[in-house]
PDB file of N, CA and C in Angstrom:
ATOM      1  N   MET A   1       0.816  -1.194   0.000  1.00  0.00           N
ATOM      2  CA  MET A   1       0.000   0.000   0.000  1.00  0.00           C
ATOM      3  C   MET A   1       0.860   1.259   0.000  1.00  0.00           C
ATOM      4  N   GLU A   2       2.012   1.157   0.669  1.00  0.00           N
ATOM      5  CA  GLU A   2       2.893   2.316   0.747  1.00  0.00           C
ATOM      6  C   GLU A   2       3.486   2.656  -0.626  1.00  0.00           C
ATOM      7  N   SER A   3       3.767   1.626  -1.437  1.00  0.00           N
ATOM      8  CA  SER A   3       4.329   1.891  -2.769  1.00  0.00           C
ATOM      9  C   SER A   3       3.295   2.548  -3.674  1.00  0.00           C
ATOM     10  N   LEU A   4       2.020   2.268  -3.447  1.00  0.00           N
ATOM     11  CA  LEU A   4       0.959   2.917  -4.218  1.00  0.00           C
ATOM     12  C   LEU A   4       0.941   4.413  -3.939  1.00  0.00           C
ATOM     13  N   TRP A   5       1.069   4.801  -2.674  1.00  0.00           N
ATOM     14  CA  TRP A   5       1.090   6.228  -2.323  1.00  0.00           C
ATOM     15  C   TRP A   5       2.344   6.897  -2.845  1.00  0.00           C
ATOM     16  N   THR A   6       3.453   6.185  -2.829  1.00  0.00           N
ATOM     17  CA  THR A   6       4.694   6.740  -3.368  1.00  0.00           C
ATOM     18  C   THR A   6       4.558   6.973  -4.867  1.00  0.00           C
ATOM     19  N   THR A   7       3.986   6.009  -5.563  1.00  0.00           N
ATOM     20  CA  THR A   7       3.755   6.151  -7.002  1.00  0.00           C
ATOM     21  C   THR A   7       2.807   7.307  -7.283  1.00  0.00           C
ATOM     22  N   PHE A   8       1.742   7.388  -6.506  1.00  0.00           N
ATOM     23  CA  PHE A   8       0.787   8.473  -6.671  1.00  0.00           C
ATOM     24  C   PHE A   8       1.465   9.833  -6.441  1.00  0.00           C
ATOM     25  N   GLY A   9       2.298   9.918  -5.450  1.00  0.00           N
ATOM     26  CA  GLY A   9       3.017  11.157  -5.153  1.00  0.00           C
ATOM     27  C   GLY A   9       3.954  11.549  -6.278  1.00  0.00           C
ATOM     28  N   VAL A  10       4.672  10.588  -6.829  1.00  0.00           N
ATOM     29  CA  VAL A  10       5.589  10.871  -7.931  1.00  0.00           C
ATOM     30  C   VAL A  10       4.816  11.336  -9.159  1.00  0.00           C
ATOM     31  N   VAL A  11       3.718  10.677  -9.468  1.00  0.00           N
ATOM     32  CA  VAL A  11       2.892  11.070 -10.617  1.00  0.00           C
ATOM     33  C   VAL A  11       2.331  12.472 -10.408  1.00  0.00           C
ATOM     34  N   ALA A  12       1.876  12.781  -9.217  1.00  0.00           N
ATOM     35  CA  ALA A  12       1.332  14.105  -8.928  1.00  0.00           C
ATOM     36  C   ALA A  12       2.394  15.186  -9.098  1.00  0.00           C
ATOM     37  N   VAL A  13       3.599  14.933  -8.632  1.00  0.00           N
ATOM     38  CA  VAL A  13       4.687  15.902  -8.772  1.00  0.00           C
ATOM     39  C   VAL A  13       5.026  16.111 -10.247  1.00  0.00           C
ATOM     40  N   VAL A  14       5.060  15.038 -11.013  1.00  0.00           N
ATOM     41  CA  VAL A  14       5.360  15.152 -12.442  1.00  0.00           C
ATOM     42  C   VAL A  14       4.272  15.943 -13.159  1.00  0.00           C
ATOM     43  N   VAL A  15       3.007  15.684 -12.856  1.00  0.00           N
ATOM     44  CA  VAL A  15       1.901  16.407 -13.478  1.00  0.00           C
ATOM     45  C   VAL A  15       1.970  17.893 -13.140  1.00  0.00           C
ATOM     46  N   VAL A  16       2.205  18.217 -11.888  1.00  0.00           N
ATOM     47  CA  VAL A  16       2.307  19.622 -11.479  1.00  0.00           C
ATOM     48  C   VAL A  16       3.489  20.283 -12.178  1.00  0.00           C
ATOM     49  N   ALA A  17       4.605  19.598 -12.284  1.00  0.00           N
ATOM     50  CA  ALA A  17       5.782  20.163 -12.956  1.00  0.00           C
ATOM     51  C   ALA A  17       5.500  20.435 -14.427  1.00  0.00           C
ATOM     52  N   VAL A  18       4.817  19.522 -15.090  1.00  0.00           N
ATOM     53  CA  VAL A  18       4.472  19.726 -16.505  1.00  0.00           C
ATOM     54  C   VAL A  18       3.524  20.911 -16.650  1.00  0.00           C
ATOM     55  N   LEU A  19       2.525  21.015 -15.779  1.00  0.00           N
ATOM     56  CA  LEU A  19       1.583  22.135 -15.844  1.00  0.00           C
ATOM     57  C   LEU A  19       2.291  23.472 -15.609  1.00  0.00           C
ATOM     58  N   VAL A  20       3.218  23.500 -14.684  1.00  0.00           N
ATOM     59  CA  VAL A  20       3.976  24.729 -14.419  1.00  0.00           C
ATOM     60  C   VAL A  20       4.804  25.105 -15.647  1.00  0.00           C
ATOM     61  N   LEU A  21       5.436  24.129 -16.275  1.00  0.00           N
ATOM     62  CA  LEU A  21       6.236  24.408 -17.465  1.00  0.00           C
ATOM     63  C   LEU A  21       5.382  24.912 -18.625  1.00  0.00           C
ATOM     64  N   VAL A  22       4.218  24.337 -18.806  1.00  0.00           N
ATOM     65  CA  VAL A  22       3.312  24.794 -19.868  1.00  0.00           C
ATOM     66  C   VAL A  22       2.862  26.225 -19.587  1.00  0.00           C
ATOM     67  N   ALA A  23       2.477  26.511 -18.349  1.00  0.00           N
ATOM     68  CA  ALA A  23       2.048  27.869 -17.986  1.00  0.00           C
ATOM     69  C   ALA A  23       3.195  28.849 -18.177  1.00  0.00           C
ATOM     70  N   LEU A  24       4.401  28.478 -17.804  1.00  0.00           N
ATOM     71  CA  LEU A  24       5.562  29.344 -17.978  1.00  0.00           C
ATOM     72  C   LEU A  24       5.850  29.594 -19.457  1.00  0.00           C
ATOM     73  N   PHE A  25       5.760  28.573 -20.270  1.00  0.00           N
ATOM     74  CA  PHE A  25       5.964  28.707 -21.711  1.00  0.00           C
ATOM     75  C   PHE A  25       4.951  29.688 -22.314  1.00  0.00           C
ATOM     76  N   LEU A  26       3.685  29.550 -21.949  1.00  0.00           N
ATOM     77  CA  LEU A  26       2.649  30.439 -22.473  1.00  0.00           C
ATOM     78  C   LEU A  26       2.846  31.872 -21.996  1.00  0.00           C
ATOM     79  N   ALA A  27       3.229  32.031 -20.741  1.00  0.00           N
ATOM     80  CA  ALA A  27       3.465  33.379 -20.212  1.00  0.00           C
ATOM     81  C   ALA A  27       4.626  34.051 -20.949  1.00  0.00           C
ATOM     82  N   ILE A  28       5.675  33.316 -21.237  1.00  0.00           N
ATOM     83  CA  ILE A  28       6.811  33.877 -21.967  1.00  0.00           C
ATOM     84  C   ILE A  28       6.394  34.274 -23.376  1.00  0.00           C
ATOM     85  N   LYS A  29       5.618  33.427 -24.043  1.00  0.00           N
ATOM     86  CA  LYS A  29       5.141  33.773 -25.385  1.00  0.00           C
ATOM     87  C   LYS A  29       4.294  35.035 -25.361  1.00  0.00           C
ATOM     88  N   LEU A  30       3.476  35.189 -24.332  1.00  0.00           N
ATOM     89  CA  LEU A  30       2.632  36.382 -24.227  1.00  0.00           C
ATOM     90  C   LEU A  30       3.471  37.613 -23.918  1.00  0.00           C
ATOM     91  N   VAL A  31       4.430  37.502 -23.034  1.00  0.00           N
ATOM     92  CA  VAL A  31       5.286  38.641 -22.682  1.00  0.00           C
ATOM     93  C   VAL A  31       6.092  39.102 -23.896  1.00  0.00           C
ATOM     94  N   ARG A  32       6.464  38.207 -24.771  1.00  0.00           N
ATOM     95  CA  ARG A  32       7.215  38.579 -25.970  1.00  0.00           C
ATOM     96  C   ARG A  32       6.387  39.443 -26.923  1.00  0.00           C
ATOM     97  N   LYS A  33       5.102  39.491 -26.759  1.00  0.00           N
ATOM     98  CA  LYS A  33       4.242  40.334 -27.585  1.00  0.00           C
ATOM     99  C   LYS A  33       4.097  41.742 -27.006  1.00  0.00           C
ATOM    100  N   HIS A  34       4.791  42.034 -25.901  1.00  0.00           N
ATOM    101  CA  HIS A  34       4.654  43.313 -25.211  1.00  0.00           C
ATOM    102  C   HIS A  34       4.879  44.507 -26.140  1.00  0.00           C
ATOM    103  N   ARG A  35       5.943  44.481 -26.892  1.00  0.00           N
ATOM    104  CA  ARG A  35       6.265  45.616 -27.769  1.00  0.00           C
ATOM    105  C   ARG A  35       5.185  45.811 -28.837  1.00  0.00           C
ATOM    106  N   GLN A  36       4.678  44.721 -29.399  1.00  0.00           N
ATOM    107  CA  GLN A  36       3.632  44.819 -30.416  1.00  0.00           C
ATOM    108  C   GLN A  36       2.332  45.346 -29.832  1.00  0.00           C
ATOM    109  N   VAL A  37       2.008  44.905 -28.628  1.00  0.00           N
ATOM    110  CA  VAL A  37       0.748  45.307 -27.999  1.00  0.00           C
ATOM    111  C   VAL A  37       0.747  46.789 -27.670  1.00  0.00           C
ATOM    112  N   HIS A  38       1.889  47.341 -27.347  1.00  0.00           N
ATOM    113  CA  HIS A  38       1.939  48.725 -26.897  1.00  0.00           C
ATOM    114  C   HIS A  38       2.328  49.710 -27.991  1.00  0.00           C
ATOM    115  N   GLN A  39       2.075  49.354 -29.233  1.00  0.00           N
ATOM    116  CA  GLN A  39       2.258  50.285 -30.331  1.00  0.00           C
ATOM    117  C   GLN A  39       0.993  51.120 -30.487  1.00  0.00           C
ATOM    118  N   PRO A  40       1.142  52.330 -31.038  1.00  0.00           N
ATOM    119  CA  PRO A  40      -0.053  53.152 -31.276  1.00  0.00           C
ATOM    120  C   PRO A  40      -1.003  52.452 -32.254  1.00  0.00           C
ATOM    121  N   GLY A  41      -2.261  52.608 -32.010  1.00  0.00           N
ATOM    122  CA  GLY A  41      -3.271  52.044 -32.895  1.00  0.00           C
ATOM    123  C   GLY A  41      -3.753  50.662 -32.499  1.00  0.00           C
ATOM    124  N   VAL A  42      -3.142  50.048 -31.511  1.00  0.00           N
ATOM    125  CA  VAL A  42      -3.611  48.734 -31.053  1.00  0.00           C
ATOM    126  C   VAL A  42      -4.855  48.967 -30.205  1.00  0.00           C
ATOM    127  N   PRO A  43      -5.934  48.247 -30.496  1.00  0.00           N
ATOM    128  CA  PRO A  43      -7.181  48.471 -29.747  1.00  0.00           C
ATOM    129  C   PRO A  43      -7.020  48.237 -28.244  1.00  0.00           C
ATOM    130  N   VAL A  44      -7.784  48.998 -27.484  1.00  0.00           N
ATOM    131  CA  VAL A  44      -7.733  48.893 -26.020  1.00  0.00           C
ATOM    132  C   VAL A  44      -8.118  47.485 -25.541  1.00  0.00           C
ATOM    133  N   PRO A  45      -9.119  46.822 -26.125  1.00  0.00           N
ATOM    134  CA  PRO A  45      -9.416  45.452 -25.658  1.00  0.00           C
ATOM    135  C   PRO A  45      -8.236  44.493 -25.804  1.00  0.00           C
ATOM    136  N   THR A  46      -7.407  44.702 -26.811  1.00  0.00           N
ATOM    137  CA  THR A  46      -6.226  43.854 -26.974  1.00  0.00           C
ATOM    138  C   THR A  46      -5.241  44.094 -25.844  1.00  0.00           C
ATOM    139  N   LYS A  47      -5.029  45.366 -25.513  1.00  0.00           N
ATOM    140  CA  LYS A  47      -4.132  45.699 -24.403  1.00  0.00           C
ATOM    141  C   LYS A  47      -4.684  45.167 -23.086  1.00  0.00           C
ATOM    142  N   ALA A  48      -5.992  45.273 -22.918  1.00  0.00           N
ATOM    143  CA  ALA A  48      -6.622  44.779 -21.690  1.00  0.00           C
ATOM    144  C   ALA A  48      -6.489  43.257 -21.583  1.00  0.00           C
ATOM    145  N   ALA A  49      -6.709  42.551 -22.681  1.00  0.00           N
ATOM    146  CA  ALA A  49      -6.579  41.091 -22.663  1.00  0.00           C
ATOM    147  C   ALA A  49      -5.153  40.681 -22.321  1.00  0.00           C
ATOM    148  N   TYR A  50      -4.199  41.416 -22.835  1.00  0.00           N
ATOM    149  CA  TYR A  50      -2.788  41.149 -22.546  1.00  0.00           C
ATOM    150  C   TYR A  50      -2.520  41.268 -21.047  1.00  0.00           C
ATOM    151  N   TRP A  51      -2.892  42.408 -20.482  1.00  0.00           N
ATOM    152  CA  TRP A  51      -2.591  42.661 -19.064  1.00  0.00           C
ATOM    153  C   TRP A  51      -3.424  41.790 -18.131  1.00  0.00           C
ATOM    154  N   VAL A  52      -4.677  41.565 -18.446  1.00  0.00           N
ATOM    155  CA  VAL A  52      -5.533  40.755 -17.566  1.00  0.00           C
ATOM    156  C   VAL A  52      -5.052  39.310 -17.519  1.00  0.00           C
ATOM    157  N   SER A  53      -4.677  38.755 -18.667  1.00  0.00           N
ATOM    158  CA  SER A  53      -4.224  37.359 -18.658  1.00  0.00           C
ATOM    159  C   SER A  53      -2.905  37.204 -17.898  1.00  0.00           C
ATOM    160  N   LEU A  54      -2.004  38.175 -18.033  1.00  0.00           N
ATOM    161  CA  LEU A  54      -0.762  38.106 -17.252  1.00  0.00           C
ATOM    162  C   LEU A  54      -1.029  38.319 -15.762  1.00  0.00           C
ATOM    163  N   ALA A  55      -1.894  39.273 -15.446  1.00  0.00           N
ATOM    164  CA  ALA A  55      -2.193  39.552 -14.039  1.00  0.00           C
ATOM    165  C   ALA A  55      -2.870  38.353 -13.375  1.00  0.00           C
ATOM    166  N   TYR A  56      -3.779  37.707 -14.086  1.00  0.00           N
ATOM    167  CA  TYR A  56      -4.455  36.540 -13.519  1.00  0.00           C
ATOM    168  C   TYR A  56      -3.451  35.447 -13.173  1.00  0.00           C
ATOM    169  N   THR A  57      -2.456  35.290 -14.021  1.00  0.00           N
ATOM    170  CA  THR A  57      -1.461  34.247 -13.782  1.00  0.00           C
ATOM    171  C   THR A  57      -0.561  34.582 -12.601  1.00  0.00           C
ATOM    172  N   VAL A  58      -0.233  35.853 -12.433  1.00  0.00           N
ATOM    173  CA  VAL A  58       0.711  36.258 -11.399  1.00  0.00           C
ATOM    174  C   VAL A  58       0.048  36.385 -10.027  1.00  0.00           C
ATOM    175  N   PHE A  59      -1.142  36.960  -9.984  1.00  0.00           N
ATOM    176  CA  PHE A  59      -1.780  37.191  -8.694  1.00  0.00           C
ATOM    177  C   PHE A  59      -2.260  35.886  -8.077  1.00  0.00           C
ATOM    178  N   PRO A  60      -2.295  35.828  -6.761  1.00  0.00           N
ATOM    179  CA  PRO A  60      -2.653  34.570  -6.087  1.00  0.00           C
ATOM    180  C   PRO A  60      -4.152  34.271  -6.072  1.00  0.00           C
ATOM    181  N   PHE A  61      -4.981  35.137  -6.625  1.00  0.00           N
ATOM    182  CA  PHE A  61      -6.420  34.902  -6.640  1.00  0.00           C
ATOM    183  C   PHE A  61      -6.762  34.062  -7.859  1.00  0.00           C
ATOM    184  N   ASP A  62      -7.107  32.810  -7.652  1.00  0.00           N
ATOM    185  CA  ASP A  62      -7.405  31.886  -8.745  1.00  0.00           C
ATOM    186  C   ASP A  62      -8.739  31.208  -8.529  1.00  0.00           C
ATOM    187  N   LEU A  63      -9.273  30.669  -9.612  1.00  0.00           N
ATOM    188  CA  LEU A  63     -10.479  29.853  -9.501  1.00  0.00           C
ATOM    189  C   LEU A  63     -10.156  28.507  -8.870  1.00  0.00           C
ATOM    190  N   LEU A  64      -8.968  28.009  -9.168  1.00  0.00           N
ATOM    191  CA  LEU A  64      -8.494  26.748  -8.608  1.00  0.00           C
ATOM    192  C   LEU A  64      -7.255  27.035  -7.769  1.00  0.00           C
ATOM    193  N   PRO A  65      -6.966  26.219  -6.777  1.00  0.00           N
ATOM    194  CA  PRO A  65      -5.751  26.440  -5.971  1.00  0.00           C
ATOM    195  C   PRO A  65      -4.499  26.434  -6.850  1.00  0.00           C
ATOM    196  N   ASP A  66      -3.470  27.145  -6.423  1.00  0.00           N
ATOM    197  CA  ASP A  66      -2.306  27.351  -7.271  1.00  0.00           C
ATOM    198  C   ASP A  66      -1.543  26.098  -7.698  1.00  0.00           C
ATOM    199  N   PRO A  67      -1.497  25.010  -6.961  1.00  0.00           N
ATOM    200  CA  PRO A  67      -0.809  23.847  -7.527  1.00  0.00           C
ATOM    201  C   PRO A  67      -1.506  23.289  -8.772  1.00  0.00           C
ATOM    202  N   VAL A  68      -2.761  23.679  -8.991  1.00  0.00           N
ATOM    203  CA  VAL A  68      -3.500  23.247 -10.170  1.00  0.00           C
ATOM    204  C   VAL A  68      -3.488  24.406 -11.158  1.00  0.00           C
ATOM    205  N   TYR A  69      -2.710  24.284 -12.230  1.00  0.00           N
ATOM    206  CA  TYR A  69      -2.507  25.383 -13.168  1.00  0.00           C
ATOM    207  C   TYR A  69      -3.409  25.315 -14.397  1.00  0.00           C
ATOM    208  N   PHE A  70      -4.456  24.494 -14.354  1.00  0.00           N
ATOM    209  CA  PHE A  70      -5.351  24.401 -15.503  1.00  0.00           C
ATOM    210  C   PHE A  70      -5.980  25.746 -15.833  1.00  0.00           C
ATOM    211  N   ASP A  71      -6.461  26.461 -14.832  1.00  0.00           N
ATOM    212  CA  ASP A  71      -7.112  27.744 -15.086  1.00  0.00           C
ATOM    213  C   ASP A  71      -6.117  28.769 -15.612  1.00  0.00           C
ATOM    214  N   ASP A  72      -4.905  28.765 -15.094  1.00  0.00           N
ATOM    215  CA  ASP A  72      -3.887  29.684 -15.596  1.00  0.00           C
ATOM    216  C   ASP A  72      -3.557  29.385 -17.052  1.00  0.00           C
ATOM    217  N   ILE A  73      -3.456  28.116 -17.388  1.00  0.00           N
ATOM    218  CA  ILE A  73      -3.157  27.725 -18.760  1.00  0.00           C
ATOM    219  C   ILE A  73      -4.282  28.149 -19.695  1.00  0.00           C
ATOM    220  N   VAL A  74      -5.522  27.979 -19.269  1.00  0.00           N
ATOM    221  CA  VAL A  74      -6.660  28.386 -20.100  1.00  0.00           C
ATOM    222  C   VAL A  74      -6.666  29.898 -20.302  1.00  0.00           C
ATOM    223  N   VAL A  75      -6.435  30.665 -19.243  1.00  0.00           N
ATOM    224  CA  VAL A  75      -6.427  32.128 -19.345  1.00  0.00           C
ATOM    225  C   VAL A  75      -5.265  32.591 -20.228  1.00  0.00           C
ATOM    226  N   LEU A  76      -4.087  32.040 -20.037  1.00  0.00           N
ATOM    227  CA  LEU A  76      -2.939  32.420 -20.860  1.00  0.00           C
ATOM    228  C   LEU A  76      -3.153  32.053 -22.330  1.00  0.00           C
ATOM    229  N   THR A  77      -3.674  30.878 -22.587  1.00  0.00           N
ATOM    230  CA  THR A  77      -3.929  30.460 -23.963  1.00  0.00           C
ATOM    231  C   THR A  77      -4.964  31.362 -24.619  1.00  0.00           C
ATOM    232  N   SER A  78      -6.035  31.659 -23.895  1.00  0.00           N
ATOM    233  CA  SER A  78      -7.069  32.534 -24.439  1.00  0.00           C
ATOM    234  C   SER A  78      -6.522  33.927 -24.716  1.00  0.00           C
ATOM    235  N   GLY A  79      -5.762  34.462 -23.783  1.00  0.00           N
ATOM    236  CA  GLY A  79      -5.166  35.780 -23.976  1.00  0.00           C
ATOM    237  C   GLY A  79      -4.198  35.791 -25.145  1.00  0.00           C
ATOM    238  N   LEU A  80      -3.379  34.759 -25.262  1.00  0.00           N
ATOM    239  CA  LEU A  80      -2.414  34.680 -26.350  1.00  0.00           C
ATOM    240  C   LEU A  80      -3.107  34.575 -27.701  1.00  0.00           C
ATOM    241  N   VAL A  81      -4.141  33.771 -27.781  1.00  0.00           N
ATOM    242  CA  VAL A  81      -4.877  33.628 -29.041  1.00  0.00           C
ATOM    243  C   VAL A  81      -5.557  34.946 -29.406  1.00  0.00           C
ATOM    244  N   TYR A  82      -6.218  35.572 -28.442  1.00  0.00           N
ATOM    245  CA  TYR A  82      -6.914  36.834 -28.720  1.00  0.00           C
ATOM    246  C   TYR A  82      -5.937  37.928 -29.147  1.00  0.00           C
ATOM    247  N   VAL A  83      -4.854  38.086 -28.411  1.00  0.00           N
ATOM    248  CA  VAL A  83      -3.871  39.122 -28.727  1.00  0.00           C
ATOM    249  C   VAL A  83      -3.243  38.848 -30.094  1.00  0.00           C
ATOM    250  N   SER A  84      -2.880  37.613 -30.374  1.00  0.00           N
ATOM    251  CA  SER A  84      -2.263  37.275 -31.655  1.00  0.00           C
ATOM    252  C   SER A  84      -3.204  37.552 -32.814  1.00  0.00           C
ATOM    253  N   ARG A  85      -4.449  37.152 -32.687  1.00  0.00           N
ATOM    254  CA  ARG A  85      -5.422  37.407 -33.766  1.00  0.00           C
ATOM    255  C   ARG A  85      -5.675  38.891 -33.949  1.00  0.00           C
ATOM    256  N   SER A  86      -5.750  39.620 -32.862  1.00  0.00           N
ATOM    257  CA  SER A  86      -5.980  41.056 -32.951  1.00  0.00           C
ATOM    258  C   SER A  86      -4.798  41.764 -33.610  1.00  0.00           C
ATOM    259  N   LEU A  87      -3.580  41.372 -33.246  1.00  0.00           N
ATOM    260  CA  LEU A  87      -2.403  41.980 -33.856  1.00  0.00           C
ATOM    261  C   LEU A  87      -2.299  41.619 -35.338  1.00  0.00           C
ATOM    262  N   THR A  88      -2.659  40.394 -35.696  1.00  0.00           N
ATOM    263  CA  THR A  88      -2.656  39.986 -37.094  1.00  0.00           C
ATOM    264  C   THR A  88      -3.676  40.796 -37.887  1.00  0.00           C
ATOM    265  N   LYS A  89      -4.850  40.985 -37.317  1.00  0.00           N
ATOM    266  CA  LYS A  89      -5.895  41.776 -37.977  1.00  0.00           C
ATOM    267  C   LYS A  89      -5.448  43.223 -38.136  1.00  0.00           C
ATOM    268  N   LYS A  90      -4.811  43.791 -37.121  1.00  0.00           N
ATOM    269  CA  LYS A  90      -4.320  45.167 -37.195  1.00  0.00           C
ATOM    270  C   LYS A  90      -3.261  45.294 -38.281  1.00  0.00           C
ATOM    271  N   ALA A  91      -2.336  44.345 -38.357  1.00  0.00           N
ATOM    272  CA  ALA A  91      -1.297  44.380 -39.383  1.00  0.00           C
ATOM    273  C   ALA A  91      -1.906  44.270 -40.781  1.00  0.00           C
ATOM    274  N   ARG A  92      -2.901  43.417 -40.929  1.00  0.00           N
ATOM    275  CA  ARG A  92      -3.587  43.278 -42.218  1.00  0.00           C
ATOM    276  C   ARG A  92      -4.292  44.571 -42.603  1.00  0.00           C
ATOM    277  N   ASP A  93      -4.970  45.192 -41.637  1.00  0.00           N
ATOM    278  CA  ASP A  93      -5.659  46.452 -41.897  1.00  0.00           C
ATOM    279  C   ASP A  93      -4.660  47.564 -42.229  1.00  0.00           C
ATOM    280  N   ASP A  94      -3.509  47.578 -41.564  1.00  0.00           N
ATOM    281  CA  ASP A  94      -2.482  48.578 -41.842  1.00  0.00           C
ATOM    282  C   ASP A  94      -1.916  48.414 -43.255  1.00  0.00           C
ATOM    283  N   ARG A  95      -1.727  47.164 -43.684  1.00  0.00           N
ATOM    284  CA  ARG A  95      -1.227  46.917 -45.043  1.00  0.00           C
ATOM    285  C   ARG A  95      -2.234  47.376 -46.092  1.00  0.00           C
ATOM    286  N   ARG A  96      -3.508  47.135 -45.826  1.00  0.00           N
ATOM    287  CA  ARG A  96      -4.547  47.568 -46.774  1.00  0.00           C
ATOM    288  C   ARG A  96      -4.644  49.086 -46.845  1.00  0.00           C
ATOM    289  N   ALA A  97      -4.404  49.749 -45.730  1.00  0.00           N
ATOM    290  CA  ALA A  97      -4.519  51.211 -45.686  1.00  0.00           C
ATOM    291  C   ALA A  97      -3.367  51.888 -46.414  1.00  0.00           C
ATOM    292  N   SER A  98      -2.208  51.208 -46.513  1.00  0.00           N
ATOM    293  CA  SER A  98      -1.070  51.871 -47.149  1.00  0.00           C
ATOM    294  C   SER A  98      -0.934  51.554 -48.607  1.00  0.00           C
TER     295      SER A  98
END
């Protein structure tokens, strides 16, 4: 019975480590968009999505306890997708305007 708990503990640590790495990877990808997000002409909702998704990840107020990073991963992924699509749309609109 003791080996079952040891196995369970090792699996739990590995899962938490993978979730932390995924959340860290997404946060880094989002932070790398900082310069693009803060250019003139970028819509305010895009800037808000950028800051809210980063703030949600950093602040200790979560929907789920912090060892469970599912909610952080969902928020970061959603923010990254929204910001990326918005920046792509802005670049496309800028090309059409010139």
